[in-house]
Amino acid sequence: MRVLVVEPGKQPEEREIDGSLESMQQIVGGLIQAIYPFDDPVALICNDEGKLLGLPWNRVVGYDIIAGTFFLCDAPPDSENFESLTEIQVLHYSKIFE
């Protein structure tokens, strides 16, 4: 699954993961939380306890700030699973989070 990983203080990085819960938890460093702050069907996956754990501030998204590393993936409304970002989505969100 193609995702865009955004670490605090770094440029976004495209990565390929296997899409398992374990691979997602490894990126964010713990339990995952999916939020949907965008108009298109893209999920932002972050550490569910990032702020409580004191993870470093990362990026402002909407009216909130995300703590710790997060990643973006496609979240089609007609599917129960996360999917790969398209090339256009990778380019679009790379520009937003650079």
PDB file of N, CA and C in Angstrom:
ATOM      1  N   MET A   1       0.854  -1.167   0.000  1.00  0.00           N
ATOM      2  CA  MET A   1       0.000   0.000   0.000  1.00  0.00           C
ATOM      3  C   MET A   1       0.902   1.233   0.000  1.00  0.00           C
ATOM      4  N   ARG A   2       0.649   2.139  -0.917  1.00  0.00           N
ATOM      5  CA  ARG A   2       1.436   3.377  -1.020  1.00  0.00           C
ATOM      6  C   ARG A   2       0.853   4.414  -0.066  1.00  0.00           C
ATOM      7  N   VAL A   3       1.696   4.906   0.857  1.00  0.00           N
ATOM      8  CA  VAL A   3       1.279   5.918   1.825  1.00  0.00           C
ATOM      9  C   VAL A   3       2.266   7.080   1.791  1.00  0.00           C
ATOM     10  N   LEU A   4       1.861   8.188   2.392  1.00  0.00           N
ATOM     11  CA  LEU A   4       2.735   9.345   2.526  1.00  0.00           C
ATOM     12  C   LEU A   4       2.978   9.546   4.016  1.00  0.00           C
ATOM     13  N   VAL A   5       4.217   9.343   4.447  1.00  0.00           N
ATOM     14  CA  VAL A   5       4.588   9.448   5.860  1.00  0.00           C
ATOM     15  C   VAL A   5       5.087  10.863   6.132  1.00  0.00           C
ATOM     16  N   VAL A   6       4.586  11.460   7.220  1.00  0.00           N
ATOM     17  CA  VAL A   6       4.972  12.817   7.600  1.00  0.00           C
ATOM     18  C   VAL A   6       5.514  12.770   9.027  1.00  0.00           C
ATOM     19  N   GLU A   7       6.823  12.951   9.147  1.00  0.00           N
ATOM     20  CA  GLU A   7       7.474  12.965  10.460  1.00  0.00           C
ATOM     21  C   GLU A   7       7.709  14.405  10.892  1.00  0.00           C
ATOM     22  N   PRO A   8       7.715  14.671  12.206  1.00  0.00           N
ATOM     23  CA  PRO A   8       7.962  16.032  12.681  1.00  0.00           C
ATOM     24  C   PRO A   8       9.292  16.585  12.154  1.00  0.00           C
ATOM     25  N   GLY A   9       9.232  17.787  11.600  1.00  0.00           N
ATOM     26  CA  GLY A   9      10.440  18.468  11.144  1.00  0.00           C
ATOM     27  C   GLY A   9      11.049  17.914   9.866  1.00  0.00           C
ATOM     28  N   LYS A  10      10.367  17.016   9.173  1.00  0.00           N
ATOM     29  CA  LYS A  10      10.912  16.423   7.955  1.00  0.00           C
ATOM     30  C   LYS A  10       9.950  16.597   6.787  1.00  0.00           C
ATOM     31  N   GLN A  11      10.486  16.441   5.594  1.00  0.00           N
ATOM     32  CA  GLN A  11       9.668  16.464   4.388  1.00  0.00           C
ATOM     33  C   GLN A  11       8.836  15.184   4.314  1.00  0.00           C
ATOM     34  N   PRO A  12       7.636  15.244   3.739  1.00  0.00           N
ATOM     35  CA  PRO A  12       6.837  14.025   3.557  1.00  0.00           C
ATOM     36  C   PRO A  12       7.598  13.013   2.701  1.00  0.00           C
ATOM     37  N   GLU A  13       7.388  11.745   2.999  1.00  0.00           N
ATOM     38  CA  GLU A  13       8.099  10.675   2.300  1.00  0.00           C
ATOM     39  C   GLU A  13       7.117   9.590   1.869  1.00  0.00           C
ATOM     40  N   GLU A  14       7.144   9.265   0.595  1.00  0.00           N
ATOM     41  CA  GLU A  14       6.310   8.183   0.082  1.00  0.00           C
ATOM     42  C   GLU A  14       6.932   6.858   0.497  1.00  0.00           C
ATOM     43  N   ARG A  15       6.080   5.943   1.014  1.00  0.00           N
ATOM     44  CA  ARG A  15       6.550   4.614   1.415  1.00  0.00           C
ATOM     45  C   ARG A  15       5.555   3.555   0.972  1.00  0.00           C
ATOM     46  N   GLU A  16       6.054   2.355   0.870  1.00  0.00           N
ATOM     47  CA  GLU A  16       5.212   1.199   0.571  1.00  0.00           C
ATOM     48  C   GLU A  16       5.152   0.350   1.837  1.00  0.00           C
ATOM     49  N   ILE A  17       3.926   0.075   2.313  1.00  0.00           N
ATOM     50  CA  ILE A  17       3.757  -0.786   3.486  1.00  0.00           C
ATOM     51  C   ILE A  17       2.820  -1.928   3.105  1.00  0.00           C
ATOM     52  N   ASP A  18       2.771  -2.961   3.928  1.00  0.00           N
ATOM     53  CA  ASP A  18       1.927  -4.109   3.578  1.00  0.00           C
ATOM     54  C   ASP A  18       0.454  -3.905   3.941  1.00  0.00           C
ATOM     55  N   GLY A  19       0.127  -2.833   4.643  1.00  0.00           N
ATOM     56  CA  GLY A  19      -1.261  -2.529   4.964  1.00  0.00           C
ATOM     57  C   GLY A  19      -1.797  -3.223   6.203  1.00  0.00           C
ATOM     58  N   SER A  20      -0.954  -3.989   6.872  1.00  0.00           N
ATOM     59  CA  SER A  20      -1.398  -4.662   8.099  1.00  0.00           C
ATOM     60  C   SER A  20      -1.485  -3.656   9.243  1.00  0.00           C
ATOM     61  N   LEU A  21      -2.268  -4.002  10.258  1.00  0.00           N
ATOM     62  CA  LEU A  21      -2.367  -3.166  11.442  1.00  0.00           C
ATOM     63  C   LEU A  21      -0.985  -2.949  12.050  1.00  0.00           C
ATOM     64  N   GLU A  22      -0.185  -3.987  12.084  1.00  0.00           N
ATOM     65  CA  GLU A  22       1.166  -3.886  12.656  1.00  0.00           C
ATOM     66  C   GLU A  22       2.027  -2.880  11.894  1.00  0.00           C
ATOM     67  N   SER A  23       1.952  -2.879  10.568  1.00  0.00           N
ATOM     68  CA  SER A  23       2.765  -1.944   9.783  1.00  0.00           C
ATOM     69  C   SER A  23       2.319  -0.507  10.028  1.00  0.00           C
ATOM     70  N   MET A  24       1.017  -0.304  10.220  1.00  0.00           N
ATOM     71  CA  MET A  24       0.509   1.042  10.507  1.00  0.00           C
ATOM     72  C   MET A  24       0.936   1.496  11.899  1.00  0.00           C
ATOM     73  N   GLN A  25       0.824   0.585  12.873  1.00  0.00           N
ATOM     74  CA  GLN A  25       1.228   0.924  14.236  1.00  0.00           C
ATOM     75  C   GLN A  25       2.723   1.211  14.324  1.00  0.00           C
ATOM     76  N   GLN A  26       3.507   0.525  13.536  1.00  0.00           N
ATOM     77  CA  GLN A  26       4.946   0.746  13.543  1.00  0.00           C
ATOM     78  C   GLN A  26       5.273   2.169  13.084  1.00  0.00           C
ATOM     79  N   ILE A  27       4.581   2.660  12.080  1.00  0.00           N
ATOM     80  CA  ILE A  27       4.851   4.013  11.582  1.00  0.00           C
ATOM     81  C   ILE A  27       4.527   5.058  12.638  1.00  0.00           C
ATOM     82  N   VAL A  28       3.359   4.940  13.287  1.00  0.00           N
ATOM     83  CA  VAL A  28       2.934   5.969  14.242  1.00  0.00           C
ATOM     84  C   VAL A  28       3.446   5.727  15.657  1.00  0.00           C
ATOM     85  N   GLY A  29       4.004   4.555  15.905  1.00  0.00           N
ATOM     86  CA  GLY A  29       4.578   4.269  17.219  1.00  0.00           C
ATOM     87  C   GLY A  29       3.560   3.910  18.284  1.00  0.00           C
ATOM     88  N   GLY A  30       2.464   3.276  17.900  1.00  0.00           N
ATOM     89  CA  GLY A  30       1.469   2.872  18.890  1.00  0.00           C
ATOM     90  C   GLY A  30       0.116   2.654  18.259  1.00  0.00           C
ATOM     91  N   LEU A  31      -0.918   2.811  19.086  1.00  0.00           N
ATOM     92  CA  LEU A  31      -2.289   2.626  18.616  1.00  0.00           C
ATOM     93  C   LEU A  31      -2.638   3.655  17.546  1.00  0.00           C
ATOM     94  N   ILE A  32      -3.375   3.216  16.527  1.00  0.00           N
ATOM     95  CA  ILE A  32      -3.690   4.143  15.447  1.00  0.00           C
ATOM     96  C   ILE A  32      -5.058   4.785  15.640  1.00  0.00           C
ATOM     97  N   GLN A  33      -5.164   5.993  15.119  1.00  0.00           N
ATOM     98  CA  GLN A  33      -6.423   6.716  15.056  1.00  0.00           C
ATOM     99  C   GLN A  33      -6.541   7.259  13.641  1.00  0.00           C
ATOM    100  N   ALA A  34      -7.676   7.065  12.998  1.00  0.00           N
ATOM    101  CA  ALA A  34      -7.924   7.608  11.666  1.00  0.00           C
ATOM    102  C   ALA A  34      -8.801   8.844  11.787  1.00  0.00           C
ATOM    103  N   ILE A  35      -8.364   9.927  11.162  1.00  0.00           N
ATOM    104  CA  ILE A  35      -9.195  11.129  11.084  1.00  0.00           C
ATOM    105  C   ILE A  35      -9.341  11.495   9.617  1.00  0.00           C
ATOM    106  N   TYR A  36     -10.375  12.245   9.321  1.00  0.00           N
ATOM    107  CA  TYR A  36     -10.716  12.565   7.937  1.00  0.00           C
ATOM    108  C   TYR A  36     -10.894  14.077   7.783  1.00  0.00           C
ATOM    109  N   PRO A  37      -9.789  14.824   7.801  1.00  0.00           N
ATOM    110  CA  PRO A  37      -9.887  16.284   7.781  1.00  0.00           C
ATOM    111  C   PRO A  37      -9.980  16.908   6.388  1.00  0.00           C
ATOM    112  N   PHE A  38      -9.974  16.088   5.352  1.00  0.00           N
ATOM    113  CA  PHE A  38      -9.919  16.604   3.990  1.00  0.00           C
ATOM    114  C   PHE A  38     -11.261  16.400   3.277  1.00  0.00           C
ATOM    115  N   ASP A  39     -11.471  17.154   2.208  1.00  0.00           N
ATOM    116  CA  ASP A  39     -12.691  17.023   1.421  1.00  0.00           C
ATOM    117  C   ASP A  39     -12.730  15.729   0.624  1.00  0.00           C
ATOM    118  N   ASP A  40     -11.568  15.234   0.228  1.00  0.00           N
ATOM    119  CA  ASP A  40     -11.530  13.986  -0.530  1.00  0.00           C
ATOM    120  C   ASP A  40     -11.337  12.799   0.419  1.00  0.00           C
ATOM    121  N   PRO A  41     -11.551  11.589  -0.050  1.00  0.00           N
ATOM    122  CA  PRO A  41     -11.506  10.411   0.828  1.00  0.00           C
ATOM    123  C   PRO A  41     -10.083   9.958   1.169  1.00  0.00           C
ATOM    124  N   VAL A  42      -9.384  10.792   1.908  1.00  0.00           N
ATOM    125  CA  VAL A  42      -8.032  10.476   2.359  1.00  0.00           C
ATOM    126  C   VAL A  42      -8.035  10.482   3.880  1.00  0.00           C
ATOM    127  N   ALA A  43      -7.473   9.425   4.466  1.00  0.00           N
ATOM    128  CA  ALA A  43      -7.399   9.320   5.924  1.00  0.00           C
ATOM    129  C   ALA A  43      -6.025   9.751   6.409  1.00  0.00           C
ATOM    130  N   LEU A  44      -6.011  10.446   7.529  1.00  0.00           N
ATOM    131  CA  LEU A  44      -4.771  10.772   8.228  1.00  0.00           C
ATOM    132  C   LEU A  44      -4.720   9.805   9.406  1.00  0.00           C
ATOM    133  N   ILE A  45      -3.685   8.973   9.431  1.00  0.00           N
ATOM    134  CA  ILE A  45      -3.536   7.962  10.476  1.00  0.00           C
ATOM    135  C   ILE A  45      -2.427   8.424  11.419  1.00  0.00           C
ATOM    136  N   CYS A  46      -2.789   8.608  12.688  1.00  0.00           N
ATOM    137  CA  CYS A  46      -1.821   9.096  13.674  1.00  0.00           C
ATOM    138  C   CYS A  46      -1.881   8.213  14.921  1.00  0.00           C
ATOM    139  N   ASN A  47      -0.998   8.518  15.869  1.00  0.00           N
ATOM    140  CA  ASN A  47      -0.982   7.814  17.154  1.00  0.00           C
ATOM    141  C   ASN A  47      -2.161   8.309  17.981  1.00  0.00           C
ATOM    142  N   ASP A  48      -3.001   7.404  18.402  1.00  0.00           N
ATOM    143  CA  ASP A  48      -4.201   7.731  19.164  1.00  0.00           C
ATOM    144  C   ASP A  48      -3.883   8.469  20.461  1.00  0.00           C
ATOM    145  N   GLU A  49      -2.716   8.242  21.023  1.00  0.00           N
ATOM    146  CA  GLU A  49      -2.341   8.858  22.294  1.00  0.00           C
ATOM    147  C   GLU A  49      -1.156   9.813  22.141  1.00  0.00           C
ATOM    148  N   GLY A  50      -0.939  10.321  20.923  1.00  0.00           N
ATOM    149  CA  GLY A  50       0.230  11.154  20.644  1.00  0.00           C
ATOM    150  C   GLY A  50       0.419  12.320  21.585  1.00  0.00           C
ATOM    151  N   LYS A  51      -0.642  13.054  21.844  1.00  0.00           N
ATOM    152  CA  LYS A  51      -0.539  14.216  22.735  1.00  0.00           C
ATOM    153  C   LYS A  51      -0.341  13.780  24.181  1.00  0.00           C
ATOM    154  N   LEU A  52      -1.055  12.746  24.600  1.00  0.00           N
ATOM    155  CA  LEU A  52      -0.912  12.255  25.978  1.00  0.00           C
ATOM    156  C   LEU A  52       0.491  11.738  26.250  1.00  0.00           C
ATOM    157  N   LEU A  53       1.106  11.140  25.234  1.00  0.00           N
ATOM    158  CA  LEU A  53       2.460  10.602  25.379  1.00  0.00           C
ATOM    159  C   LEU A  53       3.535  11.674  25.242  1.00  0.00           C
ATOM    160  N   GLY A  54       3.129  12.888  24.886  1.00  0.00           N
ATOM    161  CA  GLY A  54       4.097  13.976  24.728  1.00  0.00           C
ATOM    162  C   GLY A  54       4.935  13.854  23.471  1.00  0.00           C
ATOM    163  N   LEU A  55       4.373  13.231  22.432  1.00  0.00           N
ATOM    164  CA  LEU A  55       5.120  13.126  21.177  1.00  0.00           C
ATOM    165  C   LEU A  55       5.326  14.530  20.610  1.00  0.00           C
ATOM    166  N   PRO A  56       6.387  14.737  19.830  1.00  0.00           N
ATOM    167  CA  PRO A  56       6.670  16.082  19.306  1.00  0.00           C
ATOM    168  C   PRO A  56       5.569  16.572  18.371  1.00  0.00           C
ATOM    169  N   TRP A  57       5.309  17.888  18.434  1.00  0.00           N
ATOM    170  CA  TRP A  57       4.324  18.485  17.535  1.00  0.00           C
ATOM    171  C   TRP A  57       4.774  18.273  16.106  1.00  0.00           C
ATOM    172  N   ASN A  58       3.834  18.006  15.248  1.00  0.00           N
ATOM    173  CA  ASN A  58       4.170  17.732  13.856  1.00  0.00           C
ATOM    174  C   ASN A  58       3.620  18.820  12.934  1.00  0.00           C
ATOM    175  N   ARG A  59       2.342  18.745  12.586  1.00  0.00           N
ATOM    176  CA  ARG A  59       1.747  19.703  11.656  1.00  0.00           C
ATOM    177  C   ARG A  59       0.374  20.125  12.169  1.00  0.00           C
ATOM    178  N   VAL A  60      -0.010  21.342  11.791  1.00  0.00           N
ATOM    179  CA  VAL A  60      -1.360  21.819  12.054  1.00  0.00           C
ATOM    180  C   VAL A  60      -2.253  21.302  10.930  1.00  0.00           C
ATOM    181  N   VAL A  61      -3.359  20.694  11.304  1.00  0.00           N
ATOM    182  CA  VAL A  61      -4.325  20.180  10.333  1.00  0.00           C
ATOM    183  C   VAL A  61      -5.690  20.699  10.764  1.00  0.00           C
ATOM    184  N   GLY A  62      -6.261  21.561   9.964  1.00  0.00           N
ATOM    185  CA  GLY A  62      -7.532  22.182  10.342  1.00  0.00           C
ATOM    186  C   GLY A  62      -7.329  23.049  11.565  1.00  0.00           C
ATOM    187  N   TYR A  63      -8.089  22.763  12.622  1.00  0.00           N
ATOM    188  CA  TYR A  63      -7.972  23.520  13.870  1.00  0.00           C
ATOM    189  C   TYR A  63      -7.245  22.741  14.950  1.00  0.00           C
ATOM    190  N   ASP A  64      -6.519  21.728  14.550  1.00  0.00           N
ATOM    191  CA  ASP A  64      -5.839  20.860  15.506  1.00  0.00           C
ATOM    192  C   ASP A  64      -4.373  20.723  15.107  1.00  0.00           C
ATOM    193  N   ILE A  65      -3.575  20.244  16.026  1.00  0.00           N
ATOM    194  CA  ILE A  65      -2.176  19.945  15.730  1.00  0.00           C
ATOM    195  C   ILE A  65      -1.975  18.454  15.975  1.00  0.00           C
ATOM    196  N   ILE A  66      -1.275  17.830  15.066  1.00  0.00           N
ATOM    197  CA  ILE A  66      -1.007  16.401  15.168  1.00  0.00           C
ATOM    198  C   ILE A  66       0.329  16.223  15.884  1.00  0.00           C
ATOM    199  N   ALA A  67       0.348  15.348  16.872  1.00  0.00           N
ATOM    200  CA  ALA A  67       1.580  15.044  17.608  1.00  0.00           C
ATOM    201  C   ALA A  67       2.125  13.717  17.105  1.00  0.00           C
ATOM    202  N   GLY A  68       3.413  13.701  16.812  1.00  0.00           N
ATOM    203  CA  GLY A  68       4.062  12.476  16.358  1.00  0.00           C
ATOM    204  C   GLY A  68       3.922  12.257  14.860  1.00  0.00           C
ATOM    205  N   THR A  69       4.531  11.200  14.417  1.00  0.00           N
ATOM    206  CA  THR A  69       4.514  10.834  13.002  1.00  0.00           C
ATOM    207  C   THR A  69       3.117  10.375  12.600  1.00  0.00           C
ATOM    208  N   PHE A  70       2.696  10.777  11.407  1.00  0.00           N
ATOM    209  CA  PHE A  70       1.431  10.306  10.858  1.00  0.00           C
ATOM    210  C   PHE A  70       1.635   9.933   9.398  1.00  0.00           C
ATOM    211  N   PHE A  71       0.638   9.268   8.842  1.00  0.00           N
ATOM    212  CA  PHE A  71       0.685   8.991   7.411  1.00  0.00           C
ATOM    213  C   PHE A  71      -0.694   9.157   6.801  1.00  0.00           C
ATOM    214  N   LEU A  72      -0.699   9.339   5.496  1.00  0.00           N
ATOM    215  CA  LEU A  72      -1.924   9.498   4.736  1.00  0.00           C
ATOM    216  C   LEU A  72      -2.124   8.304   3.830  1.00  0.00           C
ATOM    217  N   CYS A  73      -3.379   7.881   3.685  1.00  0.00           N
ATOM    218  CA  CYS A  73      -3.711   6.803   2.763  1.00  0.00           C
ATOM    219  C   CYS A  73      -5.108   7.066   2.203  1.00  0.00           C
ATOM    220  N   ASP A  74      -5.430   6.372   1.150  1.00  0.00           N
ATOM    221  CA  ASP A  74      -6.752   6.507   0.540  1.00  0.00           C
ATOM    222  C   ASP A  74      -7.765   5.768   1.410  1.00  0.00           C
ATOM    223  N   ALA A  75      -8.953   6.340   1.538  1.00  0.00           N
ATOM    224  CA  ALA A  75     -10.019   5.728   2.339  1.00  0.00           C
ATOM    225  C   ALA A  75     -11.321   5.799   1.544  1.00  0.00           C
ATOM    226  N   PRO A  76     -11.458   4.929   0.550  1.00  0.00           N
ATOM    227  CA  PRO A  76     -12.659   4.974  -0.294  1.00  0.00           C
ATOM    228  C   PRO A  76     -13.928   4.765   0.537  1.00  0.00           C
ATOM    229  N   PRO A  77     -14.966   5.573   0.275  1.00  0.00           N
ATOM    230  CA  PRO A  77     -16.194   5.452   1.065  1.00  0.00           C
ATOM    231  C   PRO A  77     -16.907   4.117   0.879  1.00  0.00           C
ATOM    232  N   ASP A  78     -16.639   3.425  -0.226  1.00  0.00           N
ATOM    233  CA  ASP A  78     -17.311   2.151  -0.487  1.00  0.00           C
ATOM    234  C   ASP A  78     -16.487   0.939  -0.041  1.00  0.00           C
ATOM    235  N   SER A  79     -15.450   1.189   0.780  1.00  0.00           N
ATOM    236  CA  SER A  79     -14.584   0.102   1.229  1.00  0.00           C
ATOM    237  C   SER A  79     -14.362   0.203   2.738  1.00  0.00           C
ATOM    238  N   GLU A  80     -14.160  -0.940   3.371  1.00  0.00           N
ATOM    239  CA  GLU A  80     -13.845  -0.948   4.795  1.00  0.00           C
ATOM    240  C   GLU A  80     -12.349  -0.912   5.052  1.00  0.00           C
ATOM    241  N   ASN A  81     -11.556  -0.935   3.982  1.00  0.00           N
ATOM    242  CA  ASN A  81     -10.102  -0.991   4.107  1.00  0.00           C
ATOM    243  C   ASN A  81      -9.456   0.267   3.568  1.00  0.00           C
ATOM    244  N   PHE A  82      -8.315   0.579   4.133  1.00  0.00           N
ATOM    245  CA  PHE A  82      -7.502   1.651   3.586  1.00  0.00           C
ATOM    246  C   PHE A  82      -6.824   1.127   2.329  1.00  0.00           C
ATOM    247  N   GLU A  83      -6.513   2.059   1.409  1.00  0.00           N
ATOM    248  CA  GLU A  83      -5.890   1.674   0.149  1.00  0.00           C
ATOM    249  C   GLU A  83      -4.750   2.621  -0.184  1.00  0.00           C
ATOM    250  N   SER A  84      -4.049   2.301  -1.260  1.00  0.00           N
ATOM    251  CA  SER A  84      -2.916   3.107  -1.709  1.00  0.00           C
ATOM    252  C   SER A  84      -3.375   4.475  -2.195  1.00  0.00           C
ATOM    253  N   LEU A  85      -2.536   5.463  -1.925  1.00  0.00           N
ATOM    254  CA  LEU A  85      -2.743   6.777  -2.512  1.00  0.00           C
ATOM    255  C   LEU A  85      -2.434   6.698  -4.000  1.00  0.00           C
ATOM    256  N   THR A  86      -3.096   7.526  -4.778  1.00  0.00           N
ATOM    257  CA  THR A  86      -2.753   7.650  -6.192  1.00  0.00           C
ATOM    258  C   THR A  86      -1.537   8.559  -6.314  1.00  0.00           C
ATOM    259  N   GLU A  87      -0.922   8.555  -7.472  1.00  0.00           N
ATOM    260  CA  GLU A  87       0.232   9.442  -7.705  1.00  0.00           C
ATOM    261  C   GLU A  87      -0.179  10.903  -7.537  1.00  0.00           C
ATOM    262  N   ILE A  88      -1.364  11.250  -8.008  1.00  0.00           N
ATOM    263  CA  ILE A  88      -1.851  12.632  -7.879  1.00  0.00           C
ATOM    264  C   ILE A  88      -2.037  12.997  -6.406  1.00  0.00           C
ATOM    265  N   GLN A  89      -2.584  12.088  -5.616  1.00  0.00           N
ATOM    266  CA  GLN A  89      -2.747  12.350  -4.180  1.00  0.00           C
ATOM    267  C   GLN A  89      -1.392  12.519  -3.495  1.00  0.00           C
ATOM    268  N   VAL A  90      -0.426  11.682  -3.841  1.00  0.00           N
ATOM    269  CA  VAL A  90       0.916  11.793  -3.250  1.00  0.00           C
ATOM    270  C   VAL A  90       1.497  13.174  -3.548  1.00  0.00           C
ATOM    271  N   LEU A  91       1.422  13.608  -4.790  1.00  0.00           N
ATOM    272  CA  LEU A  91       1.961  14.922  -5.165  1.00  0.00           C
ATOM    273  C   LEU A  91       1.211  16.047  -4.458  1.00  0.00           C
ATOM    274  N   HIS A  92      -0.104  15.966  -4.430  1.00  0.00           N
ATOM    275  CA  HIS A  92      -0.931  17.000  -3.797  1.00  0.00           C
ATOM    276  C   HIS A  92      -0.601  17.158  -2.305  1.00  0.00           C
ATOM    277  N   TYR A  93      -0.605  16.048  -1.574  1.00  0.00           N
ATOM    278  CA  TYR A  93      -0.381  16.121  -0.128  1.00  0.00           C
ATOM    279  C   TYR A  93       1.090  16.338   0.229  1.00  0.00           C
ATOM    280  N   SER A  94       1.991  15.947  -0.645  1.00  0.00           N
ATOM    281  CA  SER A  94       3.401  16.275  -0.422  1.00  0.00           C
ATOM    282  C   SER A  94       3.596  17.790  -0.411  1.00  0.00           C
ATOM    283  N   LYS A  95       2.934  18.469  -1.329  1.00  0.00           N
ATOM    284  CA  LYS A  95       3.025  19.938  -1.380  1.00  0.00           C
ATOM    285  C   LYS A  95       2.395  20.574  -0.147  1.00  0.00           C
ATOM    286  N   ILE A  96       1.279  20.042   0.296  1.00  0.00           N
ATOM    287  CA  ILE A  96       0.598  20.604   1.470  1.00  0.00           C
ATOM    288  C   ILE A  96       1.459  20.478   2.730  1.00  0.00           C
ATOM    289  N   PHE A  97       2.132  19.341   2.894  1.00  0.00           N
ATOM    290  CA  PHE A  97       2.856  19.081   4.142  1.00  0.00           C
ATOM    291  C   PHE A  97       4.363  19.273   4.060  1.00  0.00           C
ATOM    292  N   GLU A  98       4.874  19.886   2.961  1.00  0.00           N
ATOM    293  CA  GLU A  98       6.331  20.091   2.900  1.00  0.00           C
ATOM    294  C   GLU A  98       6.767  21.233   3.792  1.00  0.00           C
TER     295      GLU A  98
END
